Protein backbone atom coordinates (compact mmCIF):
# COMPACT_ATOMS: atom_id res chain seq x y z
CA MET A 1 -53.81 58.32 -30.79
CA LYS A 2 -50.28 57.77 -32.60
CA THR A 3 -47.60 58.27 -30.30
CA LEU A 4 -46.28 57.63 -26.56
CA ASP A 5 -46.97 61.37 -25.70
CA ASP A 6 -50.71 61.39 -27.22
CA LEU A 7 -51.18 58.17 -24.83
CA LYS A 8 -48.95 59.89 -21.66
CA PHE A 9 -51.62 63.17 -21.91
CA ALA A 10 -54.89 60.85 -22.51
CA LEU A 11 -53.77 59.07 -18.91
CA ARG A 12 -53.53 62.23 -17.37
CA ASP A 13 -57.03 63.62 -18.36
CA PHE A 14 -58.20 60.42 -18.23
CA ALA A 15 -56.94 59.97 -14.17
CA ARG A 16 -57.62 63.87 -14.01
CA GLU A 17 -61.07 63.88 -14.42
CA ARG A 18 -61.63 61.03 -12.09
CA ASP A 19 -60.00 62.30 -9.44
CA TRP A 20 -57.10 58.94 -9.45
CA GLU A 21 -53.97 61.17 -9.12
CA GLN A 22 -54.34 60.37 -5.84
CA PHE A 23 -54.68 56.73 -6.28
CA HIS A 24 -51.45 56.94 -8.91
CA THR A 25 -48.48 56.75 -7.09
CA PRO A 26 -45.59 54.46 -8.57
CA LYS A 27 -46.24 52.06 -5.70
CA ASN A 28 -49.85 51.63 -6.16
CA LEU A 29 -49.26 51.85 -10.42
CA ALA A 30 -46.20 49.48 -10.14
CA MET A 31 -48.56 46.44 -8.00
CA ALA A 32 -51.36 47.28 -10.84
CA LEU A 33 -48.94 46.33 -13.70
CA ILE A 34 -47.48 43.16 -11.94
CA VAL A 35 -51.33 42.41 -11.88
CA GLU A 36 -52.44 43.03 -15.50
CA THR A 37 -49.02 41.14 -16.29
CA ALA A 38 -50.06 38.20 -14.40
CA GLU A 39 -53.52 38.40 -16.15
CA LEU A 40 -51.21 38.88 -19.44
CA VAL A 41 -49.84 35.54 -18.31
CA GLU A 42 -52.44 33.42 -17.45
CA HIS A 43 -53.54 33.25 -21.19
CA PHE A 44 -50.55 31.56 -21.72
CA GLN A 45 -50.25 29.11 -19.31
CA TRP A 46 -50.23 25.45 -19.97
CA LEU A 47 -49.86 26.14 -24.01
CA THR A 48 -46.99 24.28 -25.94
CA PRO A 49 -44.51 27.33 -27.88
CA GLU A 50 -46.31 26.39 -30.69
CA GLN A 51 -49.72 26.87 -29.52
CA SER A 52 -49.08 30.55 -27.78
CA LEU A 53 -48.38 31.59 -31.54
CA GLN A 54 -51.18 30.35 -33.09
CA LEU A 55 -54.03 31.72 -30.73
CA ASP A 56 -57.68 31.81 -31.81
CA ALA A 57 -59.87 34.95 -32.15
CA GLU A 58 -61.25 34.93 -28.95
CA LYS A 59 -57.86 34.38 -27.30
CA ARG A 60 -56.00 36.92 -29.05
CA GLU A 61 -58.17 39.49 -28.62
CA ALA A 62 -58.51 38.63 -24.64
CA VAL A 63 -54.00 39.27 -24.90
CA ARG A 64 -54.81 42.74 -27.07
CA GLN A 65 -56.24 43.64 -24.63
CA GLU A 66 -53.78 42.78 -21.57
CA LEU A 67 -51.30 44.30 -23.47
CA ALA A 68 -53.31 47.22 -23.54
CA ASP A 69 -53.83 46.71 -20.11
CA ASN A 70 -49.81 46.55 -19.34
CA LEU A 71 -48.71 49.54 -21.70
CA ILE A 72 -51.29 51.79 -19.85
CA TYR A 73 -49.74 50.87 -16.66
CA LEU A 74 -46.43 51.07 -17.51
CA THR A 75 -46.96 54.38 -19.65
CA ARG A 76 -48.52 55.89 -16.30
CA LEU A 77 -46.17 55.14 -14.18
CA ALA A 78 -43.37 56.24 -15.91
CA ASP A 79 -45.23 59.78 -16.62
CA VAL A 80 -45.45 59.69 -12.79
CA LEU A 81 -42.03 59.20 -12.10
CA GLY A 82 -40.82 61.15 -15.06
CA ILE A 83 -39.39 59.14 -17.25
CA ASP A 84 -39.18 58.92 -20.99
CA LEU A 85 -39.92 55.40 -21.59
CA LEU A 86 -38.56 55.58 -24.93
CA GLU A 87 -35.50 57.47 -23.91
CA ALA A 88 -35.13 54.95 -21.30
CA ALA A 89 -35.16 51.90 -24.05
CA GLN A 90 -32.76 52.97 -26.18
CA ALA A 91 -30.84 53.22 -23.19
CA LYS A 92 -31.17 50.09 -21.75
CA ILE A 93 -30.61 48.63 -25.87
CA ALA A 94 -27.35 50.00 -25.76
CA ILE A 95 -26.66 48.52 -22.84
CA ASN A 96 -28.05 44.77 -23.53
CA ALA A 97 -26.17 45.23 -26.89
CA ALA A 98 -22.62 45.46 -25.07
CA LYS A 99 -24.15 42.86 -22.68
CA TYR A 100 -24.68 40.56 -25.41
CA PRO A 101 -22.44 41.32 -28.45
CA ALA A 102 -24.18 39.43 -31.65
CA ASP A 103 -21.03 37.22 -31.79
CA LYS A 104 -21.23 35.65 -28.96
CA ALA A 105 -25.47 35.74 -28.64
CA ARG A 106 -26.37 35.05 -31.91
CA GLY A 107 -28.81 31.74 -31.63
CA ASN A 108 -28.33 31.11 -28.38
CA ASN A 109 -30.47 32.08 -24.85
CA LYS A 110 -27.27 32.21 -22.07
CA ARG A 111 -27.34 35.15 -20.06
CA ALA A 112 -24.83 37.93 -20.24
CA ALA A 113 -22.66 35.81 -17.62
CA GLU A 114 -22.58 32.89 -19.22
CA LEU A 115 -21.79 34.43 -22.78
CA LYS A 116 -18.11 35.56 -20.67
CA ARG A 117 -17.45 32.06 -19.96
């Protein structure tokens, strides 16, 4: 697969071939996404920031698979809702650029409301 659309169509076919579309409601997909996100987070629980950057091969592969699960559910959810993820991401980057101007946000982790103070 080369594009997000390729993934979207492959996931549609995968669900259709298994008659799973009936289960792929926004509620169910969102719940599955949060479960997969929790499984991703679990791999980093109790690690120091430095350790989280230096995963061994086995842990890195486990994280890779959890990231794939997250992407799959996110892509499927967006497809069911008719949301173009790339367009949504581009719009959100523009919103964030306005909320976090580089001259004020550079080098700090304050929330947008704190930057205005």
